Amino acid sequence: MRKYSHKPKSYTGCLQLFKPNSDSLFSHGCSPTMPVSLNMRMSMPSWFDIYGLSPDANEDETGIKRASQNIKALIDQEVRNGIPSHRIILGGFSQGGALSLYTALTTQQKLAGVVALSCWLPLRNSFPQASANIANKDMYVLQCHGDADPLVPFIFGSQTAEKMKSLINPANITFKSYRGLPHNACPEEMVDIKRFIERQLPPISDE
């Protein structure tokens, strides 16, 4: 039996690449523990239920939307705390990346961008082509995916990138592939993430 799992701890080292400064904030949202259908209903950290990993698998629409509302509430709280929404980047791995993409496409807060790692776009058929209702149609997106991913197949990532290009400015989407990388992280990917965040969130001048 293969248990559905992902390794969010693989990405914690990414934060260590950044020098702390007064205009940077890293806020960690943690997924709750819940029974997952794909995991034989055994409990595991999960943002929403997963019924299958094929393109035509049913999706937990209620759970996805509920989790997205929780992330939107976190964004709203940071804005109330004085962080401009355009200084906020959403990011995540696997389910977290999927939720980040979905939330960015449905929030009314204008964000700096999204880092979407080894993931897919949930409820993709709910988004019309070039939707005029997307507040973040000019946001920047970094998608990263290993070409040897056995859990979220590489084709899911590349198809998601093409779908995103039909929804927001295609020039602002970067899709990076990593040879031989399974459902995990690698140093090259960490460097790409660091460069993306530094580019989208340059230091704020004190002048």
N, C-alpha and C. Protein backbone atom coordinates (compact mmCIF):
# COMPACT_ATOMS: atom_id res chain seq x y z
N MET A 1 0.84 -1.19 0.00
CA MET A 1 0.00 0.00 0.00
C MET A 1 0.88 1.24 0.00
N ARG A 2 0.55 2.20 -0.87
CA ARG A 2 1.29 3.47 -0.89
C ARG A 2 0.44 4.54 -0.21
N LYS A 3 0.96 5.13 0.81
CA LYS A 3 0.23 6.19 1.49
C LYS A 3 0.47 7.50 0.76
N TYR A 4 -0.61 8.29 0.62
CA TYR A 4 -0.47 9.62 0.04
C TYR A 4 0.26 10.49 1.05
N SER A 5 1.33 11.10 0.61
CA SER A 5 2.08 11.94 1.54
C SER A 5 2.83 13.00 0.77
N HIS A 6 3.20 14.05 1.48
CA HIS A 6 4.09 15.05 0.90
C HIS A 6 5.04 15.51 1.98
N LYS A 7 6.05 16.26 1.61
CA LYS A 7 7.13 16.60 2.54
C LYS A 7 7.28 18.10 2.66
N PRO A 8 6.35 18.79 3.34
CA PRO A 8 6.47 20.22 3.47
C PRO A 8 7.74 20.64 4.19
N LYS A 9 8.27 19.75 5.06
CA LYS A 9 9.50 20.12 5.78
C LYS A 9 10.68 20.28 4.84
N SER A 10 10.58 19.70 3.64
CA SER A 10 11.66 19.84 2.68
C SER A 10 11.88 21.29 2.28
N TYR A 11 10.86 22.12 2.49
CA TYR A 11 10.92 23.50 2.03
C TYR A 11 11.23 24.48 3.14
N THR A 12 11.30 24.01 4.38
CA THR A 12 11.56 24.95 5.46
C THR A 12 12.94 25.56 5.34
N GLY A 13 13.87 24.85 4.73
CA GLY A 13 15.21 25.39 4.56
C GLY A 13 15.26 26.57 3.61
N CYS A 14 14.23 26.69 2.79
CA CYS A 14 14.20 27.81 1.85
C CYS A 14 14.20 29.14 2.58
N LEU A 15 13.48 29.21 3.70
CA LEU A 15 13.42 30.46 4.44
C LEU A 15 14.78 30.86 4.98
N GLN A 16 15.65 29.88 5.20
CA GLN A 16 16.97 30.18 5.74
C GLN A 16 17.87 30.84 4.69
N LEU A 17 17.44 30.82 3.43
CA LEU A 17 18.21 31.48 2.38
C LEU A 17 18.06 32.99 2.42
N PHE A 18 17.07 33.47 3.16
CA PHE A 18 16.78 34.89 3.19
C PHE A 18 17.32 35.53 4.45
N LYS A 19 17.91 36.71 4.30
CA LYS A 19 18.36 37.46 5.46
C LYS A 19 17.16 38.19 6.05
N PRO A 20 16.95 38.05 7.36
CA PRO A 20 15.82 38.75 7.97
C PRO A 20 15.92 40.25 7.76
N ASN A 21 14.83 40.90 7.45
CA ASN A 21 14.81 42.36 7.37
C ASN A 21 13.43 42.83 7.80
N SER A 22 13.31 44.13 8.00
CA SER A 22 12.11 44.68 8.60
C SER A 22 10.90 44.64 7.69
N ASP A 23 11.09 44.44 6.39
CA ASP A 23 9.94 44.48 5.49
C ASP A 23 9.61 43.10 4.92
N SER A 24 10.10 42.05 5.56
CA SER A 24 9.77 40.70 5.13
C SER A 24 8.99 39.98 6.22
N LEU A 25 7.97 39.23 5.81
CA LEU A 25 7.17 38.49 6.76
C LEU A 25 6.88 37.11 6.19
N PHE A 26 7.14 36.08 6.98
CA PHE A 26 6.80 34.73 6.58
C PHE A 26 5.72 34.22 7.53
N SER A 27 4.55 33.99 7.02
CA SER A 27 3.44 33.49 7.82
C SER A 27 3.12 32.08 7.35
N HIS A 28 3.11 31.14 8.27
CA HIS A 28 2.93 29.72 7.93
C HIS A 28 1.51 29.28 8.26
N GLY A 29 0.79 28.85 7.24
CA GLY A 29 -0.50 28.24 7.47
C GLY A 29 -0.32 26.73 7.47
N CYS A 30 -0.82 26.06 8.49
CA CYS A 30 -0.65 24.61 8.60
C CYS A 30 -1.96 23.90 8.28
N SER A 31 -1.87 22.87 7.46
CA SER A 31 -3.07 22.12 7.12
C SER A 31 -3.55 21.32 8.32
N PRO A 32 -4.87 21.17 8.48
CA PRO A 32 -5.40 20.35 9.57
C PRO A 32 -5.20 18.87 9.29
N THR A 33 -5.41 18.05 10.28
CA THR A 33 -5.38 16.60 10.11
C THR A 33 -6.79 16.11 9.88
N MET A 34 -6.97 15.32 8.82
CA MET A 34 -8.30 14.85 8.47
C MET A 34 -8.22 13.53 7.72
N PRO A 35 -9.29 12.73 7.72
CA PRO A 35 -9.30 11.50 6.92
C PRO A 35 -9.26 11.85 5.43
N VAL A 36 -8.44 11.14 4.68
CA VAL A 36 -8.31 11.38 3.24
C VAL A 36 -8.71 10.11 2.49
N SER A 37 -9.64 10.26 1.56
CA SER A 37 -10.17 9.09 0.83
C SER A 37 -9.06 8.32 0.13
N LEU A 38 -8.13 9.05 -0.50
CA LEU A 38 -7.06 8.39 -1.24
C LEU A 38 -6.11 7.63 -0.32
N ASN A 39 -6.11 8.02 0.94
CA ASN A 39 -5.26 7.40 1.95
C ASN A 39 -6.04 6.36 2.76
N MET A 40 -7.00 5.72 2.11
CA MET A 40 -7.84 4.70 2.75
C MET A 40 -8.54 5.24 3.99
N ARG A 41 -8.92 6.55 3.92
CA ARG A 41 -9.64 7.26 4.98
C ARG A 41 -8.83 7.38 6.26
N MET A 42 -7.54 7.12 6.19
CA MET A 42 -6.69 7.33 7.35
C MET A 42 -6.38 8.82 7.46
N SER A 43 -6.24 9.29 8.69
CA SER A 43 -6.02 10.71 8.91
C SER A 43 -4.58 11.10 8.59
N MET A 44 -4.44 12.29 8.02
CA MET A 44 -3.14 12.85 7.68
C MET A 44 -3.31 14.36 7.53
N PRO A 45 -2.22 15.13 7.59
CA PRO A 45 -2.34 16.56 7.32
C PRO A 45 -2.84 16.78 5.90
N SER A 46 -3.92 17.52 5.75
CA SER A 46 -4.51 17.71 4.44
C SER A 46 -5.41 18.94 4.45
N TRP A 47 -5.31 19.75 3.42
CA TRP A 47 -6.15 20.94 3.30
C TRP A 47 -7.58 20.57 2.91
N PHE A 48 -7.71 19.49 2.12
CA PHE A 48 -9.02 19.06 1.66
C PHE A 48 -8.93 17.59 1.28
N ASP A 49 -10.07 16.95 1.08
CA ASP A 49 -10.07 15.54 0.75
C ASP A 49 -9.61 15.33 -0.70
N ILE A 50 -9.01 14.18 -0.95
CA ILE A 50 -8.57 13.82 -2.30
C ILE A 50 -9.14 12.45 -2.63
N TYR A 51 -9.89 12.40 -3.73
CA TYR A 51 -10.54 11.15 -4.11
C TYR A 51 -9.73 10.35 -5.11
N GLY A 52 -8.87 11.02 -5.87
CA GLY A 52 -8.07 10.33 -6.87
C GLY A 52 -7.07 11.29 -7.49
N LEU A 53 -6.13 10.75 -8.25
CA LEU A 53 -5.07 11.56 -8.86
C LEU A 53 -5.14 11.56 -10.38
N SER A 54 -6.24 11.13 -10.93
CA SER A 54 -6.39 11.18 -12.39
C SER A 54 -7.06 12.49 -12.77
N PRO A 55 -6.88 12.95 -14.01
CA PRO A 55 -7.45 14.24 -14.43
C PRO A 55 -8.97 14.32 -14.29
N ASP A 56 -9.65 13.17 -14.40
CA ASP A 56 -11.11 13.18 -14.33
C ASP A 56 -11.64 12.76 -12.96
N ALA A 57 -10.78 12.72 -11.96
CA ALA A 57 -11.20 12.34 -10.60
C ALA A 57 -12.12 13.41 -10.01
N ASN A 58 -13.08 12.98 -9.21
CA ASN A 58 -13.93 13.94 -8.50
C ASN A 58 -13.08 14.76 -7.54
N GLU A 59 -13.53 15.98 -7.27
CA GLU A 59 -12.79 16.87 -6.36
C GLU A 59 -13.68 17.28 -5.20
N ASP A 60 -13.06 17.55 -4.08
CA ASP A 60 -13.75 17.96 -2.87
C ASP A 60 -14.01 19.46 -2.94
N GLU A 61 -15.01 19.84 -3.72
CA GLU A 61 -15.27 21.27 -3.94
C GLU A 61 -15.53 22.01 -2.64
N THR A 62 -16.33 21.42 -1.77
CA THR A 62 -16.64 22.08 -0.49
C THR A 62 -15.39 22.28 0.35
N GLY A 63 -14.56 21.23 0.42
CA GLY A 63 -13.34 21.32 1.21
C GLY A 63 -12.34 22.30 0.63
N ILE A 64 -12.21 22.34 -0.69
CA ILE A 64 -11.29 23.27 -1.34
C ILE A 64 -11.70 24.70 -1.07
N LYS A 65 -12.99 24.98 -1.22
CA LYS A 65 -13.47 26.35 -1.02
C LYS A 65 -13.36 26.75 0.45
N ARG A 66 -13.59 25.81 1.35
CA ARG A 66 -13.47 26.12 2.78
C ARG A 66 -12.02 26.43 3.13
N ALA A 67 -11.09 25.63 2.62
CA ALA A 67 -9.67 25.88 2.89
C ALA A 67 -9.23 27.21 2.29
N SER A 68 -9.73 27.51 1.10
CA SER A 68 -9.38 28.78 0.47
C SER A 68 -9.88 29.97 1.28
N GLN A 69 -11.07 29.84 1.84
CA GLN A 69 -11.59 30.92 2.68
C GLN A 69 -10.72 31.13 3.90
N ASN A 70 -10.16 30.06 4.44
CA ASN A 70 -9.25 30.19 5.59
C ASN A 70 -8.00 30.96 5.20
N ILE A 71 -7.46 30.69 4.01
CA ILE A 71 -6.27 31.42 3.55
C ILE A 71 -6.61 32.88 3.28
N LYS A 72 -7.77 33.12 2.69
CA LYS A 72 -8.20 34.51 2.45
C LYS A 72 -8.33 35.28 3.76
N ALA A 73 -8.82 34.61 4.79
CA ALA A 73 -8.93 35.24 6.10
C ALA A 73 -7.55 35.60 6.65
N LEU A 74 -6.57 34.72 6.42
CA LEU A 74 -5.20 34.99 6.85
C LEU A 74 -4.64 36.20 6.10
N ILE A 75 -4.90 36.27 4.79
CA ILE A 75 -4.45 37.42 3.99
C ILE A 75 -5.08 38.70 4.53
N ASP A 76 -6.39 38.66 4.75
CA ASP A 76 -7.09 39.85 5.25
C ASP A 76 -6.53 40.30 6.59
N GLN A 77 -6.17 39.33 7.45
CA GLN A 77 -5.61 39.68 8.75
C GLN A 77 -4.26 40.36 8.59
N GLU A 78 -3.42 39.87 7.67
CA GLU A 78 -2.11 40.50 7.45
C GLU A 78 -2.28 41.92 6.89
N VAL A 79 -3.28 42.11 6.04
CA VAL A 79 -3.55 43.46 5.52
C VAL A 79 -3.97 44.38 6.65
N ARG A 80 -4.82 43.89 7.53
CA ARG A 80 -5.23 44.70 8.69
C ARG A 80 -4.04 44.99 9.60
N ASN A 81 -3.06 44.10 9.60
CA ASN A 81 -1.85 44.31 10.42
C ASN A 81 -0.88 45.27 9.77
N GLY A 82 -1.21 45.75 8.56
CA GLY A 82 -0.36 46.75 7.93
C GLY A 82 0.48 46.26 6.78
N ILE A 83 0.34 44.99 6.39
CA ILE A 83 1.08 44.46 5.24
C ILE A 83 0.26 44.68 3.98
N PRO A 84 0.74 45.51 3.04
CA PRO A 84 -0.04 45.70 1.80
C PRO A 84 -0.20 44.38 1.06
N SER A 85 -1.36 44.16 0.48
CA SER A 85 -1.60 42.87 -0.18
C SER A 85 -0.63 42.64 -1.33
N HIS A 86 -0.16 43.74 -1.96
CA HIS A 86 0.78 43.58 -3.07
C HIS A 86 2.18 43.20 -2.60
N ARG A 87 2.35 43.08 -1.27
CA ARG A 87 3.61 42.59 -0.71
C ARG A 87 3.44 41.17 -0.16
N ILE A 88 2.39 40.50 -0.57
CA ILE A 88 2.12 39.15 -0.09
C ILE A 88 2.23 38.15 -1.24
N ILE A 89 3.02 37.11 -1.01
CA ILE A 89 3.13 36.01 -1.97
C ILE A 89 2.54 34.76 -1.32
N LEU A 90 1.64 34.10 -2.02
CA LEU A 90 1.15 32.81 -1.57
C LEU A 90 2.06 31.71 -2.10
N GLY A 91 2.23 30.66 -1.34
CA GLY A 91 3.07 29.57 -1.83
C GLY A 91 2.79 28.29 -1.08
N GLY A 92 3.06 27.18 -1.76
CA GLY A 92 2.88 25.90 -1.10
C GLY A 92 3.33 24.75 -1.98
N PHE A 93 3.41 23.60 -1.36
CA PHE A 93 3.86 22.38 -2.00
C PHE A 93 2.71 21.39 -2.09
N SER A 94 2.52 20.77 -3.25
CA SER A 94 1.47 19.77 -3.46
C SER A 94 0.11 20.40 -3.19
N GLN A 95 -0.64 19.92 -2.21
CA GLN A 95 -1.94 20.50 -1.91
C GLN A 95 -1.82 21.99 -1.59
N GLY A 96 -0.76 22.37 -0.89
CA GLY A 96 -0.57 23.77 -0.54
C GLY A 96 -0.38 24.65 -1.76
N GLY A 97 0.33 24.13 -2.76
CA GLY A 97 0.50 24.87 -4.00
C GLY A 97 -0.80 24.97 -4.77
N ALA A 98 -1.55 23.87 -4.79
CA ALA A 98 -2.85 23.87 -5.45
C ALA A 98 -3.78 24.89 -4.81
N LEU A 99 -3.80 24.91 -3.48
CA LEU A 99 -4.65 25.85 -2.76
C LEU A 99 -4.21 27.29 -2.99
N SER A 100 -2.90 27.50 -3.10
CA SER A 100 -2.39 28.85 -3.36
C SER A 100 -2.86 29.37 -4.71
N LEU A 101 -2.79 28.52 -5.74
CA LEU A 101 -3.25 28.93 -7.06
C LEU A 101 -4.74 29.25 -7.04
N TYR A 102 -5.53 28.37 -6.45
CA TYR A 102 -6.97 28.57 -6.42
C TYR A 102 -7.33 29.85 -5.66
N THR A 103 -6.68 30.06 -4.52
CA THR A 103 -6.98 31.24 -3.71
C THR A 103 -6.60 32.52 -4.44
N ALA A 104 -5.45 32.53 -5.09
CA ALA A 104 -5.01 33.73 -5.82
C ALA A 104 -5.98 34.08 -6.95
N LEU A 105 -6.59 33.08 -7.54
CA LEU A 105 -7.52 33.32 -8.65
C LEU A 105 -8.91 33.72 -8.18
N THR A 106 -9.19 33.57 -6.90
CA THR A 106 -10.54 33.86 -6.40
C THR A 106 -10.59 34.97 -5.36
N THR A 107 -9.44 35.41 -4.85
CA THR A 107 -9.44 36.50 -3.89
C THR A 107 -9.59 37.84 -4.60
N GLN A 108 -10.11 38.81 -3.87
CA GLN A 108 -10.19 40.17 -4.39
C GLN A 108 -8.99 41.02 -3.96
N GLN A 109 -8.10 40.44 -3.16
CA GLN A 109 -6.88 41.13 -2.76
C GLN A 109 -5.83 40.96 -3.87
N LYS A 110 -5.22 42.07 -4.28
CA LYS A 110 -4.18 42.00 -5.30
C LYS A 110 -2.86 41.57 -4.66
N LEU A 111 -2.35 40.44 -5.11
CA LEU A 111 -1.17 39.84 -4.50
C LEU A 111 0.08 40.07 -5.34
N ALA A 112 1.25 39.85 -4.69
CA ALA A 112 2.52 39.97 -5.41
C ALA A 112 2.75 38.77 -6.32
N GLY A 113 2.23 37.61 -5.93
CA GLY A 113 2.45 36.44 -6.76
C GLY A 113 2.18 35.15 -6.03
N VAL A 114 2.53 34.06 -6.71
CA VAL A 114 2.32 32.72 -6.18
C VAL A 114 3.53 31.85 -6.49
N VAL A 115 3.94 31.04 -5.53
CA VAL A 115 4.94 30.00 -5.74
C VAL A 115 4.19 28.67 -5.61
N ALA A 116 4.07 27.96 -6.72
CA ALA A 116 3.26 26.73 -6.77
C ALA A 116 4.16 25.55 -7.09
N LEU A 117 4.34 24.67 -6.12
CA LEU A 117 5.34 23.61 -6.21
C LEU A 117 4.70 22.23 -6.30
N SER A 118 5.04 21.49 -7.35
CA SER A 118 4.60 20.10 -7.51
C SER A 118 3.09 19.98 -7.29
N CYS A 119 2.32 20.75 -8.04
CA CYS A 119 0.89 20.82 -7.77
C CYS A 119 0.05 20.92 -9.03
N TRP A 120 -1.19 21.30 -8.86
CA TRP A 120 -2.16 21.40 -9.94
C TRP A 120 -3.16 22.49 -9.59
N LEU A 121 -4.03 22.84 -10.53
CA LEU A 121 -5.07 23.83 -10.26
C LEU A 121 -6.37 23.11 -9.93
N PRO A 122 -6.85 23.23 -8.69
CA PRO A 122 -8.11 22.57 -8.33
C PRO A 122 -9.31 23.24 -9.00
N LEU A 123 -10.35 22.47 -9.22
CA LEU A 123 -11.60 22.99 -9.78
C LEU A 123 -11.34 23.81 -11.05
N ARG A 124 -10.42 23.33 -11.86
CA ARG A 124 -9.96 24.09 -13.04
C ARG A 124 -11.10 24.42 -14.00
N ASN A 125 -12.12 23.56 -14.06
CA ASN A 125 -13.22 23.80 -14.99
C ASN A 125 -14.16 24.90 -14.53
N SER A 126 -13.95 25.38 -13.31
CA SER A 126 -14.80 26.46 -12.80
C SER A 126 -14.31 27.82 -13.26
N PHE A 127 -13.14 27.86 -13.89
CA PHE A 127 -12.58 29.13 -14.34
C PHE A 127 -12.78 29.29 -15.85
N PRO A 128 -13.53 30.29 -16.27
CA PRO A 128 -13.66 30.55 -17.71
C PRO A 128 -12.35 31.09 -18.27
N GLN A 129 -12.18 31.00 -19.56
CA GLN A 129 -10.96 31.51 -20.19
C GLN A 129 -10.90 33.02 -20.01
N ALA A 130 -9.70 33.52 -19.66
CA ALA A 130 -9.46 34.95 -19.52
C ALA A 130 -10.56 35.64 -18.71
N SER A 131 -10.81 35.13 -17.53
CA SER A 131 -11.88 35.65 -16.70
C SER A 131 -11.64 37.11 -16.33
N ALA A 132 -12.65 37.94 -16.58
CA ALA A 132 -12.53 39.38 -16.27
C ALA A 132 -12.67 39.64 -14.78
N ASN A 133 -13.09 38.62 -14.01
CA ASN A 133 -13.32 38.80 -12.59
C ASN A 133 -12.08 38.53 -11.74
N ILE A 134 -10.99 38.14 -12.36
CA ILE A 134 -9.78 37.81 -11.61
C ILE A 134 -9.01 39.09 -11.25
N ALA A 135 -8.92 39.38 -9.94
CA ALA A 135 -8.22 40.58 -9.50
C ALA A 135 -6.72 40.48 -9.75
N ASN A 136 -6.21 39.24 -9.82
CA ASN A 136 -4.77 39.03 -9.96
C ASN A 136 -4.37 38.58 -11.36
N LYS A 137 -5.02 39.15 -12.37
CA LYS A 137 -4.73 38.74 -13.74
C LYS A 137 -3.33 39.17 -14.20
N ASP A 138 -2.70 40.07 -13.44
CA ASP A 138 -1.33 40.50 -13.78
C ASP A 138 -0.31 40.03 -12.76
N MET A 139 -0.69 39.11 -11.88
CA MET A 139 0.26 38.63 -10.88
C MET A 139 1.32 37.73 -11.52
N TYR A 140 2.40 37.53 -10.79
CA TYR A 140 3.49 36.67 -11.25
C TYR A 140 3.38 35.31 -10.56
N VAL A 141 3.63 34.26 -11.33
CA VAL A 141 3.53 32.90 -10.82
C VAL A 141 4.80 32.12 -11.15
N LEU A 142 5.37 31.48 -10.15
CA LEU A 142 6.46 30.53 -10.35
C LEU A 142 5.92 29.14 -10.07
N GLN A 143 5.92 28.29 -11.11
CA GLN A 143 5.54 26.90 -10.94
C GLN A 143 6.77 26.02 -11.08
N CYS A 144 6.94 25.10 -10.16
CA CYS A 144 8.07 24.18 -10.17
C CYS A 144 7.55 22.74 -10.09
N HIS A 145 8.16 21.84 -10.87
CA HIS A 145 7.68 20.45 -10.87
C HIS A 145 8.79 19.50 -11.30
N GLY A 146 8.95 18.43 -10.57
CA GLY A 146 9.92 17.40 -10.94
C GLY A 146 9.38 16.53 -12.06
N ASP A 147 10.22 16.18 -13.03
CA ASP A 147 9.73 15.39 -14.16
C ASP A 147 9.63 13.90 -13.84
N ALA A 148 9.99 13.52 -12.59
CA ALA A 148 9.86 12.13 -12.17
C ALA A 148 8.88 12.00 -11.00
N ASP A 149 7.96 12.94 -10.91
CA ASP A 149 6.98 12.94 -9.81
C ASP A 149 5.98 11.81 -10.02
N PRO A 150 5.96 10.80 -9.12
CA PRO A 150 5.02 9.68 -9.28
C PRO A 150 3.66 9.95 -8.66
N LEU A 151 3.55 11.00 -7.86
CA LEU A 151 2.32 11.27 -7.12
C LEU A 151 1.44 12.30 -7.84
N VAL A 152 2.02 13.44 -8.15
CA VAL A 152 1.35 14.45 -8.98
C VAL A 152 2.13 14.49 -10.30
N PRO A 153 1.68 13.75 -11.29
CA PRO A 153 2.45 13.60 -12.53
C PRO A 153 2.85 14.93 -13.16
N PHE A 154 4.02 14.93 -13.77
CA PHE A 154 4.56 16.14 -14.39
C PHE A 154 3.56 16.77 -15.35
N ILE A 155 2.80 15.95 -16.07
CA ILE A 155 1.85 16.48 -17.04
C ILE A 155 0.80 17.34 -16.37
N PHE A 156 0.47 17.04 -15.10
CA PHE A 156 -0.48 17.88 -14.36
C PHE A 156 0.08 19.29 -14.21
N GLY A 157 1.38 19.36 -13.89
CA GLY A 157 2.01 20.66 -13.72
C GLY A 157 2.04 21.45 -15.01
N SER A 158 2.44 20.81 -16.10
CA SER A 158 2.54 21.52 -17.38
C SER A 158 1.17 21.92 -17.90
N GLN A 159 0.16 21.08 -17.70
CA GLN A 159 -1.19 21.45 -18.11
C GLN A 159 -1.74 22.59 -17.26
N THR A 160 -1.38 22.60 -15.99
CA THR A 160 -1.79 23.70 -15.11
C THR A 160 -1.18 25.01 -15.58
N ALA A 161 0.10 24.98 -15.97
CA ALA A 161 0.75 26.19 -16.47
C ALA A 161 0.03 26.72 -17.71
N GLU A 162 -0.36 25.83 -18.60
CA GLU A 162 -1.08 26.26 -19.80
C GLU A 162 -2.45 26.83 -19.44
N LYS A 163 -3.12 26.22 -18.49
CA LYS A 163 -4.42 26.73 -18.05
C LYS A 163 -4.25 28.12 -17.43
N MET A 164 -3.22 28.29 -16.61
CA MET A 164 -2.98 29.58 -15.98
C MET A 164 -2.71 30.66 -17.02
N LYS A 165 -2.03 30.30 -18.09
CA LYS A 165 -1.74 31.27 -19.15
C LYS A 165 -3.00 31.74 -19.85
N SER A 166 -4.07 30.95 -19.77
CA SER A 166 -5.33 31.36 -20.37
C SER A 166 -6.16 32.22 -19.42
N LEU A 167 -5.73 32.30 -18.15
CA LEU A 167 -6.49 33.03 -17.15
C LEU A 167 -5.85 34.36 -16.77
N ILE A 168 -4.52 34.40 -16.75
CA ILE A 168 -3.81 35.62 -16.38
C ILE A 168 -2.76 35.93 -17.45
N ASN A 169 -2.04 37.02 -17.28
CA ASN A 169 -1.02 37.42 -18.25
C ASN A 169 -0.01 36.30 -18.44
N PRO A 170 0.03 35.67 -19.61
CA PRO A 170 0.93 34.52 -19.80
C PRO A 170 2.41 34.88 -19.67
N ALA A 171 2.75 36.14 -19.90
CA ALA A 171 4.15 36.56 -19.79
C ALA A 171 4.63 36.54 -18.35
N ASN A 172 3.70 36.48 -17.40
CA ASN A 172 4.07 36.52 -15.98
C ASN A 172 4.16 35.14 -15.33
N ILE A 173 4.04 34.11 -16.14
CA ILE A 173 4.08 32.75 -15.62
C ILE A 173 5.40 32.07 -15.99
N THR A 174 6.07 31.55 -15.01
CA THR A 174 7.32 30.81 -15.23
C THR A 174 7.12 29.38 -14.76
N PHE A 175 7.38 28.43 -15.66
CA PHE A 175 7.26 27.01 -15.31
C PHE A 175 8.65 26.38 -15.37
N LYS A 176 9.11 25.87 -14.23
CA LYS A 176 10.43 25.26 -14.13
C LYS A 176 10.30 23.76 -13.91
N SER A 177 11.06 22.98 -14.66
CA SER A 177 11.08 21.53 -14.48
C SER A 177 12.44 21.10 -13.96
N TYR A 178 12.47 19.99 -13.24
CA TYR A 178 13.70 19.50 -12.61
C TYR A 178 13.87 18.02 -12.94
N ARG A 179 14.95 17.73 -13.66
CA ARG A 179 15.18 16.38 -14.15
C ARG A 179 15.40 15.40 -13.00
N GLY A 180 14.66 14.29 -13.03
CA GLY A 180 14.83 13.22 -12.06
C GLY A 180 14.24 13.49 -10.69
N LEU A 181 13.60 14.64 -10.50
CA LEU A 181 13.07 14.98 -9.18
C LEU A 181 11.71 14.33 -8.97
N PRO A 182 11.53 13.57 -7.89
CA PRO A 182 10.21 12.99 -7.57
C PRO A 182 9.34 14.03 -6.86
N HIS A 183 8.43 13.60 -6.02
CA HIS A 183 7.52 14.52 -5.32
C HIS A 183 8.25 15.08 -4.11
N ASN A 184 9.19 15.96 -4.37
CA ASN A 184 10.05 16.47 -3.32
C ASN A 184 10.71 17.76 -3.79
N ALA A 185 11.71 18.21 -3.04
CA ALA A 185 12.42 19.44 -3.35
C ALA A 185 13.85 19.14 -3.76
N CYS A 186 14.54 20.15 -4.30
CA CYS A 186 15.95 20.03 -4.62
C CYS A 186 16.60 21.40 -4.47
N PRO A 187 17.93 21.45 -4.28
CA PRO A 187 18.60 22.74 -4.09
C PRO A 187 18.38 23.72 -5.23
N GLU A 188 18.38 23.23 -6.46
CA GLU A 188 18.17 24.12 -7.61
C GLU A 188 16.81 24.81 -7.51
N GLU A 189 15.82 24.06 -7.08
CA GLU A 189 14.48 24.63 -6.93
C GLU A 189 14.48 25.71 -5.84
N MET A 190 15.19 25.46 -4.75
CA MET A 190 15.25 26.43 -3.67
C MET A 190 15.84 27.76 -4.15
N VAL A 191 16.87 27.67 -4.99
CA VAL A 191 17.49 28.88 -5.53
C VAL A 191 16.51 29.62 -6.43
N ASP A 192 15.75 28.88 -7.24
CA ASP A 192 14.75 29.52 -8.11
C ASP A 192 13.68 30.22 -7.30
N ILE A 193 13.26 29.60 -6.20
CA ILE A 193 12.25 30.22 -5.33
C ILE A 193 12.80 31.49 -4.71
N LYS A 194 14.03 31.43 -4.23
CA LYS A 194 14.67 32.59 -3.60
C LYS A 194 14.74 33.76 -4.58
N ARG A 195 15.17 33.49 -5.79
CA ARG A 195 15.28 34.55 -6.79
C ARG A 195 13.92 35.15 -7.14
N PHE A 196 12.91 34.30 -7.23
CA PHE A 196 11.57 34.78 -7.55
C PHE A 196 11.05 35.70 -6.45
N ILE A 197 11.18 35.29 -5.20
CA ILE A 197 10.68 36.10 -4.10
C ILE A 197 11.44 37.42 -4.00
N GLU A 198 12.74 37.37 -4.18
CA GLU A 198 13.53 38.60 -4.11
C GLU A 198 13.15 39.56 -5.24
N ARG A 199 12.79 39.01 -6.39
CA ARG A 199 12.40 39.84 -7.53
C ARG A 199 11.04 40.48 -7.32
N GLN A 200 10.11 39.70 -6.75
CA GLN A 200 8.75 40.21 -6.54
C GLN A 200 8.61 41.06 -5.28
N LEU A 201 9.48 40.84 -4.31
CA LEU A 201 9.43 41.60 -3.06
C LEU A 201 10.77 42.26 -2.78
N PRO A 202 11.12 43.26 -3.58
CA PRO A 202 12.39 43.96 -3.33
C PRO A 202 12.30 44.72 -2.00
N PRO A 203 13.46 44.99 -1.38
CA PRO A 203 13.44 45.74 -0.12
C PRO A 203 12.76 47.08 -0.27
N ILE A 204 12.04 47.49 0.76
CA ILE A 204 11.36 48.77 0.75
C ILE A 204 12.34 49.86 1.20
N SER A 205 12.44 50.89 0.41
CA SER A 205 13.36 51.98 0.74
C SER A 205 12.85 52.75 1.96
N ASP A 206 13.79 53.15 2.84
CA ASP A 206 13.43 53.93 4.02
C ASP A 206 13.31 55.41 3.71
N GLU A 207 13.67 55.76 2.48
CA GLU A 207 13.64 57.19 2.12
C GLU A 207 12.21 57.67 1.95
